[in-house]
Amino acid sequence: MPVFSVLIINYNHANWLKERIDSVLNQDFGDFEVIILDNHSTDGSIAIIEQYRQHPKVTHIVINEQNSGRPVTQWQHGVELAKGAWIWIAEGDDIADPGFLSACKKSIDNNSSFGLWYCDSNILDSASNTITRRFSERRNGIFKTTKWNTAYCQDGIKEINECLKYDCTVNNMSAAVFKKDLIAPLLITLPSYIYYAD
C-alpha cells in the first residue's frame, strides 16, 4: 500500500494540467499512487490526461460522462479508490514543489497523532507565473500575528478555536494532506454542507 494517494481533480484546467500532473509525478518522495479524476472537461484536458494512462504511478483515471456539479463528488470517488493512508487532493490548476511529499512525510513521521498537515503556498500570477504573495502573509495579516512564519503543531480543537472558526487558514486543498481514515467518514456528509463567507 502506498503512503500517499494523490487525487488530481480537474475541470477545464487544460492550460495548467500537464504542469500540475508532472509536478506530482516528479515528487522526490516516491511512495504514492496517482488517481486522476476529470469532471467532464470540454477544453482539451482529456487528451492531456490520456497521455498518462500507462504511467506506472497512475492507478486510476476517471472521466465523468457528465459534470457532477460539485467538486466534493470527485473527492469522494477518489477517496473510495485510494489505497494510501494519506490523501492529497491536488487541484488541477495548481503546481507543487518537488519536495512537497517528502516534507509532509518527515512531519507526519515525527508527529504520529497528525490528522491534517498543510504548508504555506505561493500565489502565482497566472499570466506571468511569478509569485505575487504568500498565503502566510494573508493569514498573519488577518490575525495580526507571525504565527505562520514558522512550522508548528497544534491540537485540532485549539486550532479551531484560535483560528479556523474565524477564517479558513488552510490555504486550499492542494496545500493539505489528510489521514484517510479520518477524512473518509467526513466526506459522506459534505454534499449537504455549504460554506458561507461574508
N, C-alpha and C. Protein backbone atom coordinates (compact mmCIF):
# COMPACT_ATOMS: atom_id res chain seq x y z
N MET A 1 0.84 -1.19 0.00
CA MET A 1 0.00 0.00 0.00
C MET A 1 0.88 1.25 0.00
N PRO A 2 0.57 2.22 -0.84
CA PRO A 2 1.36 3.46 -0.84
C PRO A 2 1.09 4.28 0.41
N VAL A 3 2.05 5.13 0.76
CA VAL A 3 1.83 6.06 1.86
C VAL A 3 0.78 7.09 1.48
N PHE A 4 0.90 7.63 0.27
CA PHE A 4 0.01 8.70 -0.18
C PHE A 4 -0.80 8.27 -1.39
N SER A 5 -2.05 8.69 -1.42
CA SER A 5 -2.86 8.64 -2.64
C SER A 5 -3.09 10.09 -3.06
N VAL A 6 -2.67 10.40 -4.27
CA VAL A 6 -2.80 11.77 -4.78
C VAL A 6 -3.98 11.81 -5.74
N LEU A 7 -4.99 12.59 -5.40
CA LEU A 7 -6.17 12.74 -6.25
C LEU A 7 -6.01 14.03 -7.05
N ILE A 8 -5.78 13.89 -8.33
CA ILE A 8 -5.69 15.08 -9.19
C ILE A 8 -7.09 15.34 -9.72
N ILE A 9 -7.66 16.44 -9.25
CA ILE A 9 -9.05 16.79 -9.55
C ILE A 9 -9.05 17.88 -10.62
N ASN A 10 -9.71 17.60 -11.74
CA ASN A 10 -9.64 18.54 -12.85
C ASN A 10 -11.01 18.84 -13.44
N TYR A 11 -11.18 20.11 -13.78
CA TYR A 11 -12.29 20.53 -14.63
C TYR A 11 -11.84 21.75 -15.43
N ASN A 12 -11.63 21.55 -16.71
CA ASN A 12 -11.27 22.62 -17.64
C ASN A 12 -10.02 23.39 -17.23
N HIS A 13 -9.00 22.67 -16.79
CA HIS A 13 -7.73 23.30 -16.45
C HIS A 13 -6.62 22.89 -17.43
N ALA A 14 -6.97 22.74 -18.68
CA ALA A 14 -6.01 22.26 -19.68
C ALA A 14 -4.75 23.13 -19.72
N ASN A 15 -4.89 24.42 -19.50
CA ASN A 15 -3.73 25.32 -19.58
C ASN A 15 -2.66 25.00 -18.54
N TRP A 16 -3.06 24.40 -17.42
CA TRP A 16 -2.12 24.12 -16.33
C TRP A 16 -1.96 22.64 -16.05
N LEU A 17 -2.77 21.80 -16.67
CA LEU A 17 -2.90 20.41 -16.25
C LEU A 17 -1.62 19.59 -16.41
N LYS A 18 -0.94 19.72 -17.53
CA LYS A 18 0.28 18.94 -17.73
C LYS A 18 1.33 19.30 -16.68
N GLU A 19 1.49 20.60 -16.42
CA GLU A 19 2.45 21.04 -15.40
C GLU A 19 2.03 20.52 -14.02
N ARG A 20 0.73 20.51 -13.76
CA ARG A 20 0.23 20.00 -12.48
C ARG A 20 0.54 18.52 -12.32
N ILE A 21 0.19 17.72 -13.33
CA ILE A 21 0.42 16.28 -13.23
C ILE A 21 1.91 15.98 -13.10
N ASP A 22 2.72 16.65 -13.91
CA ASP A 22 4.17 16.42 -13.84
C ASP A 22 4.73 16.83 -12.48
N SER A 23 4.18 17.88 -11.88
CA SER A 23 4.69 18.31 -10.57
C SER A 23 4.37 17.29 -9.48
N VAL A 24 3.34 16.50 -9.68
CA VAL A 24 3.04 15.39 -8.77
C VAL A 24 3.96 14.21 -9.05
N LEU A 25 4.05 13.83 -10.30
CA LEU A 25 4.85 12.65 -10.66
C LEU A 25 6.33 12.84 -10.37
N ASN A 26 6.79 14.07 -10.31
CA ASN A 26 8.21 14.36 -10.08
C ASN A 26 8.55 14.64 -8.62
N GLN A 27 7.68 14.20 -7.71
CA GLN A 27 7.98 14.36 -6.28
C GLN A 27 9.22 13.56 -5.90
N ASP A 28 10.03 14.10 -5.00
CA ASP A 28 11.26 13.39 -4.60
C ASP A 28 11.01 12.32 -3.55
N PHE A 29 9.78 12.20 -3.04
CA PHE A 29 9.36 11.05 -2.24
C PHE A 29 8.44 10.23 -3.12
N GLY A 30 8.79 8.98 -3.36
CA GLY A 30 8.13 8.22 -4.42
C GLY A 30 7.06 7.24 -4.03
N ASP A 31 6.73 7.10 -2.73
CA ASP A 31 5.76 6.09 -2.32
C ASP A 31 4.34 6.65 -2.38
N PHE A 32 3.82 6.76 -3.60
CA PHE A 32 2.48 7.31 -3.79
C PHE A 32 1.85 6.74 -5.04
N GLU A 33 0.54 6.80 -5.09
CA GLU A 33 -0.22 6.49 -6.30
C GLU A 33 -0.93 7.76 -6.74
N VAL A 34 -1.28 7.81 -8.02
CA VAL A 34 -2.00 8.97 -8.57
C VAL A 34 -3.33 8.49 -9.13
N ILE A 35 -4.38 9.18 -8.75
CA ILE A 35 -5.73 8.94 -9.26
C ILE A 35 -6.19 10.24 -9.92
N ILE A 36 -6.45 10.21 -11.21
CA ILE A 36 -6.86 11.41 -11.94
C ILE A 36 -8.35 11.35 -12.17
N LEU A 37 -9.04 12.40 -11.76
CA LEU A 37 -10.49 12.48 -11.91
C LEU A 37 -10.85 13.75 -12.68
N ASP A 38 -11.53 13.58 -13.79
CA ASP A 38 -11.94 14.73 -14.60
C ASP A 38 -13.46 14.84 -14.60
N ASN A 39 -13.94 16.06 -14.36
CA ASN A 39 -15.37 16.30 -14.20
C ASN A 39 -16.00 16.80 -15.50
N HIS A 40 -15.81 16.01 -16.57
CA HIS A 40 -16.39 16.29 -17.89
C HIS A 40 -15.85 17.60 -18.49
N SER A 41 -14.53 17.70 -18.57
CA SER A 41 -13.92 18.89 -19.17
C SER A 41 -14.23 18.98 -20.65
N THR A 42 -14.25 20.21 -21.16
CA THR A 42 -14.55 20.46 -22.57
C THR A 42 -13.44 21.26 -23.24
N ASP A 43 -12.27 21.35 -22.60
CA ASP A 43 -11.23 22.26 -23.08
C ASP A 43 -9.95 21.57 -23.57
N GLY A 44 -9.99 20.29 -23.81
CA GLY A 44 -8.77 19.58 -24.22
C GLY A 44 -8.06 18.87 -23.09
N SER A 45 -8.61 18.94 -21.88
CA SER A 45 -7.99 18.28 -20.73
C SER A 45 -7.88 16.77 -20.92
N ILE A 46 -8.90 16.17 -21.55
CA ILE A 46 -8.93 14.71 -21.67
C ILE A 46 -7.73 14.21 -22.47
N ALA A 47 -7.37 14.90 -23.54
CA ALA A 47 -6.21 14.48 -24.34
C ALA A 47 -4.94 14.52 -23.51
N ILE A 48 -4.81 15.50 -22.63
CA ILE A 48 -3.64 15.58 -21.75
C ILE A 48 -3.64 14.42 -20.77
N ILE A 49 -4.78 14.18 -20.16
CA ILE A 49 -4.89 13.09 -19.17
C ILE A 49 -4.56 11.75 -19.80
N GLU A 50 -5.04 11.51 -21.00
CA GLU A 50 -4.81 10.21 -21.65
C GLU A 50 -3.32 9.92 -21.88
N GLN A 51 -2.49 10.95 -21.93
CA GLN A 51 -1.05 10.73 -22.09
C GLN A 51 -0.44 10.00 -20.89
N TYR A 52 -1.15 10.01 -19.76
CA TYR A 52 -0.63 9.41 -18.53
C TYR A 52 -1.27 8.06 -18.20
N ARG A 53 -2.11 7.56 -19.07
CA ARG A 53 -2.86 6.34 -18.76
C ARG A 53 -1.96 5.15 -18.45
N GLN A 54 -0.82 5.04 -19.11
CA GLN A 54 0.08 3.91 -18.88
C GLN A 54 1.18 4.20 -17.86
N HIS A 55 1.16 5.36 -17.26
CA HIS A 55 2.21 5.69 -16.29
C HIS A 55 2.10 4.77 -15.08
N PRO A 56 3.21 4.20 -14.61
CA PRO A 56 3.14 3.23 -13.51
C PRO A 56 2.61 3.79 -12.19
N LYS A 57 2.68 5.09 -11.98
CA LYS A 57 2.16 5.68 -10.74
C LYS A 57 0.65 5.93 -10.82
N VAL A 58 0.12 6.00 -12.04
CA VAL A 58 -1.30 6.32 -12.22
C VAL A 58 -2.10 5.02 -12.12
N THR A 59 -2.86 4.89 -11.03
CA THR A 59 -3.62 3.66 -10.80
C THR A 59 -5.05 3.74 -11.33
N HIS A 60 -5.60 4.94 -11.44
CA HIS A 60 -6.97 5.12 -11.94
C HIS A 60 -7.07 6.44 -12.69
N ILE A 61 -7.82 6.39 -13.79
CA ILE A 61 -8.26 7.61 -14.47
C ILE A 61 -9.77 7.51 -14.59
N VAL A 62 -10.47 8.51 -14.05
CA VAL A 62 -11.93 8.52 -14.08
C VAL A 62 -12.36 9.79 -14.80
N ILE A 63 -13.06 9.62 -15.91
CA ILE A 63 -13.54 10.76 -16.70
C ILE A 63 -15.06 10.72 -16.69
N ASN A 64 -15.67 11.70 -16.07
CA ASN A 64 -17.13 11.73 -15.97
C ASN A 64 -17.77 11.96 -17.33
N GLU A 65 -18.87 11.27 -17.58
CA GLU A 65 -19.62 11.47 -18.81
C GLU A 65 -20.48 12.73 -18.74
N GLN A 66 -20.75 13.19 -17.54
CA GLN A 66 -21.40 14.49 -17.37
C GLN A 66 -20.85 15.14 -16.10
N ASN A 67 -20.93 16.46 -16.05
CA ASN A 67 -20.39 17.19 -14.92
C ASN A 67 -21.24 16.93 -13.68
N SER A 68 -20.59 16.63 -12.57
CA SER A 68 -21.31 16.33 -11.32
C SER A 68 -21.87 17.58 -10.66
N GLY A 69 -21.33 18.74 -11.01
CA GLY A 69 -21.80 19.99 -10.42
C GLY A 69 -21.16 20.33 -9.09
N ARG A 70 -20.41 19.37 -8.51
CA ARG A 70 -19.79 19.60 -7.19
C ARG A 70 -18.43 18.93 -7.14
N PRO A 71 -17.37 19.70 -6.83
CA PRO A 71 -16.05 19.08 -6.71
C PRO A 71 -15.99 17.99 -5.64
N VAL A 72 -16.80 18.13 -4.59
CA VAL A 72 -16.74 17.17 -3.49
C VAL A 72 -17.10 15.76 -3.98
N THR A 73 -17.93 15.65 -5.01
CA THR A 73 -18.27 14.34 -5.57
C THR A 73 -17.01 13.67 -6.11
N GLN A 74 -16.15 14.44 -6.74
CA GLN A 74 -14.88 13.91 -7.23
C GLN A 74 -13.99 13.48 -6.06
N TRP A 75 -13.94 14.29 -5.01
CA TRP A 75 -13.13 13.94 -3.83
C TRP A 75 -13.60 12.62 -3.25
N GLN A 76 -14.91 12.47 -3.12
CA GLN A 76 -15.46 11.24 -2.54
C GLN A 76 -15.06 10.02 -3.37
N HIS A 77 -15.23 10.12 -4.67
CA HIS A 77 -14.92 8.99 -5.54
C HIS A 77 -13.43 8.65 -5.47
N GLY A 78 -12.59 9.67 -5.45
CA GLY A 78 -11.15 9.44 -5.35
C GLY A 78 -10.76 8.77 -4.05
N VAL A 79 -11.36 9.21 -2.95
CA VAL A 79 -11.05 8.60 -1.64
C VAL A 79 -11.50 7.14 -1.62
N GLU A 80 -12.64 6.84 -2.25
CA GLU A 80 -13.10 5.45 -2.34
C GLU A 80 -12.08 4.57 -3.07
N LEU A 81 -11.44 5.11 -4.09
CA LEU A 81 -10.47 4.34 -4.88
C LEU A 81 -9.09 4.28 -4.22
N ALA A 82 -8.81 5.23 -3.33
CA ALA A 82 -7.46 5.40 -2.79
C ALA A 82 -7.04 4.23 -1.90
N LYS A 83 -5.77 3.85 -2.05
CA LYS A 83 -5.19 2.79 -1.22
C LYS A 83 -4.24 3.34 -0.17
N GLY A 84 -3.83 4.60 -0.31
CA GLY A 84 -2.87 5.19 0.61
C GLY A 84 -3.47 5.54 1.95
N ALA A 85 -2.60 5.64 2.96
CA ALA A 85 -3.04 6.03 4.30
C ALA A 85 -3.33 7.52 4.38
N TRP A 86 -2.73 8.29 3.49
CA TRP A 86 -2.88 9.75 3.47
C TRP A 86 -3.39 10.18 2.11
N ILE A 87 -4.25 11.20 2.10
CA ILE A 87 -4.87 11.70 0.87
C ILE A 87 -4.38 13.12 0.60
N TRP A 88 -3.91 13.32 -0.61
CA TRP A 88 -3.56 14.67 -1.09
C TRP A 88 -4.50 14.99 -2.24
N ILE A 89 -5.38 15.96 -2.07
CA ILE A 89 -6.27 16.40 -3.14
C ILE A 89 -5.56 17.52 -3.89
N ALA A 90 -5.03 17.17 -5.05
CA ALA A 90 -4.21 18.09 -5.84
C ALA A 90 -5.05 18.68 -6.96
N GLU A 91 -5.50 19.89 -6.76
CA GLU A 91 -6.38 20.53 -7.74
C GLU A 91 -5.64 20.76 -9.06
N GLY A 92 -6.39 20.67 -10.16
CA GLY A 92 -5.79 20.65 -11.49
C GLY A 92 -5.12 21.92 -11.94
N ASP A 93 -5.36 23.04 -11.27
CA ASP A 93 -4.78 24.30 -11.71
C ASP A 93 -3.67 24.79 -10.78
N ASP A 94 -3.14 23.91 -9.94
CA ASP A 94 -2.03 24.26 -9.06
C ASP A 94 -0.79 23.46 -9.44
N ILE A 95 0.36 23.86 -8.95
CA ILE A 95 1.59 23.09 -9.14
C ILE A 95 2.24 22.90 -7.77
N ALA A 96 3.07 21.86 -7.67
CA ALA A 96 3.68 21.54 -6.37
C ALA A 96 5.20 21.56 -6.48
N ASP A 97 5.82 22.00 -5.40
CA ASP A 97 7.27 21.88 -5.27
C ASP A 97 7.62 20.40 -5.22
N PRO A 98 8.74 19.99 -5.82
CA PRO A 98 9.10 18.57 -5.81
C PRO A 98 9.32 17.99 -4.42
N GLY A 99 9.54 18.83 -3.42
CA GLY A 99 9.74 18.35 -2.06
C GLY A 99 8.49 18.35 -1.19
N PHE A 100 7.32 18.58 -1.79
CA PHE A 100 6.08 18.67 -1.01
C PHE A 100 5.83 17.39 -0.20
N LEU A 101 5.82 16.23 -0.86
CA LEU A 101 5.50 15.00 -0.15
C LEU A 101 6.61 14.59 0.83
N SER A 102 7.85 14.84 0.49
CA SER A 102 8.93 14.48 1.43
C SER A 102 8.86 15.33 2.68
N ALA A 103 8.51 16.62 2.55
CA ALA A 103 8.35 17.47 3.73
C ALA A 103 7.18 16.99 4.58
N CYS A 104 6.09 16.61 3.90
CA CYS A 104 4.94 16.08 4.61
C CYS A 104 5.29 14.79 5.34
N LYS A 105 5.97 13.88 4.67
CA LYS A 105 6.31 12.58 5.28
C LYS A 105 7.21 12.77 6.50
N LYS A 106 8.15 13.68 6.40
CA LYS A 106 9.03 13.94 7.54
C LYS A 106 8.22 14.43 8.74
N SER A 107 7.28 15.32 8.50
CA SER A 107 6.46 15.86 9.60
C SER A 107 5.57 14.80 10.21
N ILE A 108 4.91 14.01 9.38
CA ILE A 108 3.99 13.02 9.94
C ILE A 108 4.74 11.89 10.63
N ASP A 109 5.96 11.60 10.20
CA ASP A 109 6.78 10.60 10.90
C ASP A 109 7.15 11.08 12.30
N ASN A 110 7.34 12.39 12.44
CA ASN A 110 7.72 12.96 13.74
C ASN A 110 6.52 13.28 14.63
N ASN A 111 5.31 13.20 14.07
CA ASN A 111 4.10 13.53 14.83
C ASN A 111 3.00 12.55 14.45
N SER A 112 3.01 11.39 15.07
CA SER A 112 2.11 10.31 14.66
C SER A 112 0.63 10.63 14.92
N SER A 113 0.34 11.63 15.72
CA SER A 113 -1.05 11.96 16.02
C SER A 113 -1.67 12.89 14.97
N PHE A 114 -0.88 13.34 14.00
CA PHE A 114 -1.41 14.23 12.96
C PHE A 114 -2.63 13.63 12.27
N GLY A 115 -3.60 14.47 11.95
CA GLY A 115 -4.70 14.08 11.08
C GLY A 115 -4.72 14.93 9.83
N LEU A 116 -4.16 16.13 9.95
CA LEU A 116 -4.11 17.10 8.85
C LEU A 116 -2.74 17.76 8.87
N TRP A 117 -2.15 17.87 7.69
CA TRP A 117 -0.88 18.57 7.54
C TRP A 117 -1.05 19.52 6.36
N TYR A 118 -0.57 20.76 6.53
CA TYR A 118 -0.58 21.67 5.38
C TYR A 118 0.64 22.57 5.43
N CYS A 119 0.93 23.17 4.30
CA CYS A 119 2.12 24.02 4.20
C CYS A 119 1.73 25.38 3.62
N ASP A 120 2.67 26.28 3.67
CA ASP A 120 2.47 27.59 3.06
C ASP A 120 2.45 27.43 1.54
N SER A 121 1.91 28.41 0.85
CA SER A 121 1.83 28.36 -0.61
C SER A 121 2.14 29.72 -1.19
N ASN A 122 2.70 29.69 -2.37
CA ASN A 122 2.89 30.91 -3.15
C ASN A 122 1.66 31.14 -4.01
N ILE A 123 1.26 32.38 -4.14
CA ILE A 123 0.19 32.75 -5.05
C ILE A 123 0.86 33.26 -6.32
N LEU A 124 0.55 32.60 -7.44
CA LEU A 124 1.20 32.94 -8.70
C LEU A 124 0.29 33.76 -9.59
N ASP A 125 0.89 34.69 -10.31
CA ASP A 125 0.18 35.41 -11.36
C ASP A 125 0.02 34.43 -12.52
N SER A 126 -1.21 34.16 -12.92
CA SER A 126 -1.44 33.13 -13.94
C SER A 126 -0.85 33.49 -15.30
N ALA A 127 -0.70 34.76 -15.58
CA ALA A 127 -0.17 35.16 -16.88
C ALA A 127 1.36 35.05 -16.93
N SER A 128 2.03 35.46 -15.85
CA SER A 128 3.49 35.50 -15.88
C SER A 128 4.14 34.39 -15.07
N ASN A 129 3.32 33.63 -14.31
CA ASN A 129 3.83 32.55 -13.46
C ASN A 129 4.83 33.07 -12.41
N THR A 130 4.66 34.31 -11.98
CA THR A 130 5.53 34.89 -10.96
C THR A 130 4.79 34.95 -9.63
N ILE A 131 5.55 34.87 -8.55
CA ILE A 131 4.96 34.89 -7.22
C ILE A 131 4.50 36.31 -6.89
N THR A 132 3.24 36.44 -6.50
CA THR A 132 2.71 37.74 -6.13
C THR A 132 2.59 37.89 -4.60
N ARG A 133 2.43 36.77 -3.90
CA ARG A 133 2.22 36.82 -2.46
C ARG A 133 2.29 35.41 -1.91
N ARG A 134 2.45 35.30 -0.58
CA ARG A 134 2.37 34.01 0.09
C ARG A 134 1.10 33.98 0.95
N PHE A 135 0.49 32.81 1.07
CA PHE A 135 -0.71 32.69 1.89
C PHE A 135 -0.43 33.07 3.34
N SER A 136 0.78 32.77 3.84
CA SER A 136 1.10 33.10 5.23
C SER A 136 0.99 34.60 5.49
N GLU A 137 1.31 35.42 4.51
CA GLU A 137 1.19 36.87 4.68
C GLU A 137 -0.27 37.25 4.93
N ARG A 138 -1.17 36.64 4.16
CA ARG A 138 -2.60 36.92 4.33
C ARG A 138 -3.06 36.50 5.72
N ARG A 139 -2.72 35.27 6.13
CA ARG A 139 -3.16 34.78 7.43
C ARG A 139 -2.59 35.62 8.57
N ASN A 140 -1.30 35.90 8.51
CA ASN A 140 -0.68 36.73 9.56
C ASN A 140 -1.34 38.10 9.63
N GLY A 141 -1.72 38.66 8.48
CA GLY A 141 -2.37 39.96 8.45
C GLY A 141 -3.74 39.93 9.09
N ILE A 142 -4.51 38.90 8.78
CA ILE A 142 -5.86 38.79 9.33
C ILE A 142 -5.82 38.67 10.85
N PHE A 143 -4.90 37.82 11.35
CA PHE A 143 -4.86 37.55 12.78
C PHE A 143 -3.84 38.41 13.54
N LYS A 144 -3.18 39.31 12.80
CA LYS A 144 -2.20 40.22 13.41
C LYS A 144 -1.19 39.44 14.27
N THR A 145 -0.50 38.52 13.59
CA THR A 145 0.43 37.62 14.25
C THR A 145 1.59 37.30 13.31
N THR A 146 2.55 36.55 13.82
CA THR A 146 3.61 36.00 12.97
C THR A 146 3.58 34.47 13.03
N LYS A 147 2.46 33.94 13.49
CA LYS A 147 2.30 32.50 13.72
C LYS A 147 2.71 31.66 12.52
N TRP A 148 2.33 32.09 11.31
CA TRP A 148 2.57 31.27 10.12
C TRP A 148 3.92 31.52 9.46
N ASN A 149 4.82 32.21 10.16
CA ASN A 149 6.18 32.39 9.65
C ASN A 149 7.03 31.14 9.85
N THR A 150 6.64 30.27 10.78
CA THR A 150 7.40 29.06 11.07
C THR A 150 6.45 27.88 11.21
N ALA A 151 7.01 26.67 11.11
CA ALA A 151 6.22 25.46 11.26
C ALA A 151 5.76 25.31 12.71
N TYR A 152 4.58 24.72 12.89
CA TYR A 152 4.09 24.46 14.24
C TYR A 152 3.16 23.26 14.19
N CYS A 153 2.93 22.67 15.35
CA CYS A 153 2.00 21.56 15.52
C CYS A 153 1.06 21.93 16.66
N GLN A 154 -0.24 21.75 16.44
CA GLN A 154 -1.19 22.16 17.47
C GLN A 154 -2.38 21.22 17.49
N ASP A 155 -2.94 21.01 18.67
CA ASP A 155 -4.16 20.24 18.83
C ASP A 155 -5.27 20.85 17.97
N GLY A 156 -6.05 19.98 17.31
CA GLY A 156 -7.07 20.44 16.37
C GLY A 156 -8.11 21.34 16.98
N ILE A 157 -8.62 20.99 18.17
CA ILE A 157 -9.65 21.82 18.81
C ILE A 157 -9.10 23.21 19.14
N LYS A 158 -7.86 23.25 19.60
CA LYS A 158 -7.24 24.54 19.91
C LYS A 158 -7.08 25.37 18.63
N GLU A 159 -6.68 24.71 17.55
CA GLU A 159 -6.51 25.41 16.26
C GLU A 159 -7.85 25.96 15.76
N ILE A 160 -8.90 25.17 15.91
CA ILE A 160 -10.23 25.63 15.51
C ILE A 160 -10.63 26.86 16.32
N ASN A 161 -10.46 26.79 17.63
CA ASN A 161 -10.88 27.89 18.49
C ASN A 161 -10.05 29.15 18.30
N GLU A 162 -8.76 28.99 17.97
CA GLU A 162 -7.90 30.16 17.77
C GLU A 162 -8.08 30.77 16.39
N CYS A 163 -8.30 29.93 15.38
CA CYS A 163 -8.23 30.43 14.01
C CYS A 163 -9.37 29.98 13.11
N LEU A 164 -9.55 28.68 12.99
CA LEU A 164 -10.39 28.14 11.92
C LEU A 164 -11.86 28.52 12.03
N LYS A 165 -12.34 28.81 13.23
CA LYS A 165 -13.75 29.21 13.32
C LYS A 165 -13.95 30.67 12.90
N TYR A 166 -12.86 31.40 12.72
CA TYR A 166 -12.94 32.78 12.28
C TYR A 166 -12.60 32.95 10.79
N ASP A 167 -11.71 32.11 10.29
CA ASP A 167 -11.29 32.21 8.89
C ASP A 167 -10.62 30.90 8.51
N CYS A 168 -10.78 30.49 7.26
CA CYS A 168 -10.13 29.26 6.81
C CYS A 168 -8.64 29.53 6.63
N THR A 169 -7.84 28.96 7.50
CA THR A 169 -6.40 29.23 7.47
C THR A 169 -5.62 28.16 6.72
N VAL A 170 -6.29 27.13 6.24
CA VAL A 170 -5.66 26.16 5.34
C VAL A 170 -5.79 26.76 3.94
N ASN A 171 -4.65 26.94 3.27
CA ASN A 171 -4.64 27.69 2.01
C ASN A 171 -5.68 27.20 1.01
N ASN A 172 -5.59 25.94 0.66
CA ASN A 172 -6.53 25.29 -0.25
C ASN A 172 -6.27 23.79 -0.18
N MET A 173 -7.06 23.03 -0.89
CA MET A 173 -6.91 21.57 -0.83
C MET A 173 -5.52 21.14 -1.29
N SER A 174 -4.97 21.81 -2.28
CA SER A 174 -3.69 21.40 -2.85
C SER A 174 -2.53 21.53 -1.87
N ALA A 175 -2.70 22.30 -0.82
CA ALA A 175 -1.63 22.50 0.16
C ALA A 175 -1.76 21.61 1.37
N ALA A 176 -2.77 20.72 1.37
CA ALA A 176 -3.07 19.93 2.56
C ALA A 176 -3.05 18.43 2.26
N VAL A 177 -2.73 17.66 3.28
CA VAL A 177 -2.76 16.21 3.22
C VAL A 177 -3.54 15.73 4.45
N PHE A 178 -4.47 14.78 4.23
CA PHE A 178 -5.36 14.30 5.28
C PHE A 178 -5.14 12.81 5.51
N LYS A 179 -5.30 12.39 6.75
CA LYS A 179 -5.28 10.97 7.06
C LYS A 179 -6.58 10.36 6.53
N LYS A 180 -6.46 9.34 5.69
CA LYS A 180 -7.65 8.78 5.01
C LYS A 180 -8.71 8.29 5.99
N ASP A 181 -8.32 7.59 7.04
CA ASP A 181 -9.34 7.03 7.93
C ASP A 181 -10.09 8.11 8.71
N LEU A 182 -9.58 9.33 8.70
CA LEU A 182 -10.31 10.44 9.32
C LEU A 182 -11.20 11.18 8.33
N ILE A 183 -10.72 11.36 7.10
CA ILE A 183 -11.47 12.17 6.14
C ILE A 183 -12.58 11.38 5.46
N ALA A 184 -12.40 10.09 5.25
CA ALA A 184 -13.40 9.32 4.50
C ALA A 184 -14.79 9.42 5.12
N PRO A 185 -14.96 9.24 6.45
CA PRO A 185 -16.31 9.37 7.02
C PRO A 185 -16.88 10.79 6.89
N LEU A 186 -16.01 11.81 6.96
CA LEU A 186 -16.49 13.19 6.85
C LEU A 186 -17.01 13.50 5.47
N LEU A 187 -16.40 12.91 4.46
CA LEU A 187 -16.81 13.19 3.08
C LEU A 187 -18.23 12.74 2.80
N ILE A 188 -18.73 11.79 3.57
CA ILE A 188 -20.10 11.32 3.37
C ILE A 188 -21.08 12.46 3.61
N THR A 189 -20.79 13.35 4.56
CA THR A 189 -21.71 14.44 4.90
C THR A 189 -21.49 15.69 4.06
N LEU A 190 -20.40 15.76 3.32
CA LEU A 190 -20.07 17.01 2.61
C LEU A 190 -21.05 17.42 1.52
N PRO A 191 -21.73 16.53 0.80
CA PRO A 191 -22.65 17.02 -0.24
C PRO A 191 -23.72 17.96 0.29
N SER A 192 -24.11 17.84 1.55
CA SER A 192 -25.13 18.72 2.10
C SER A 192 -24.53 19.94 2.82
N TYR A 193 -23.20 20.03 2.82
CA TYR A 193 -22.52 21.10 3.54
C TYR A 193 -22.31 22.29 2.61
N ILE A 194 -22.64 23.48 3.06
CA ILE A 194 -22.43 24.70 2.27
C ILE A 194 -21.56 25.64 3.09
N TYR A 195 -20.48 26.11 2.48
CA TYR A 195 -19.58 27.06 3.17
C TYR A 195 -19.99 28.47 2.78
N TYR A 196 -20.19 29.32 3.76
CA TYR A 196 -20.57 30.71 3.50
C TYR A 196 -19.55 31.63 4.13
N ALA A 197 -19.07 32.58 3.35
CA ALA A 197 -18.13 33.58 3.86
C ALA A 197 -18.73 34.96 3.62
N ASP A 198 -18.62 35.81 4.60
CA ASP A 198 -19.17 37.16 4.47
C ASP A 198 -18.02 38.16 4.42
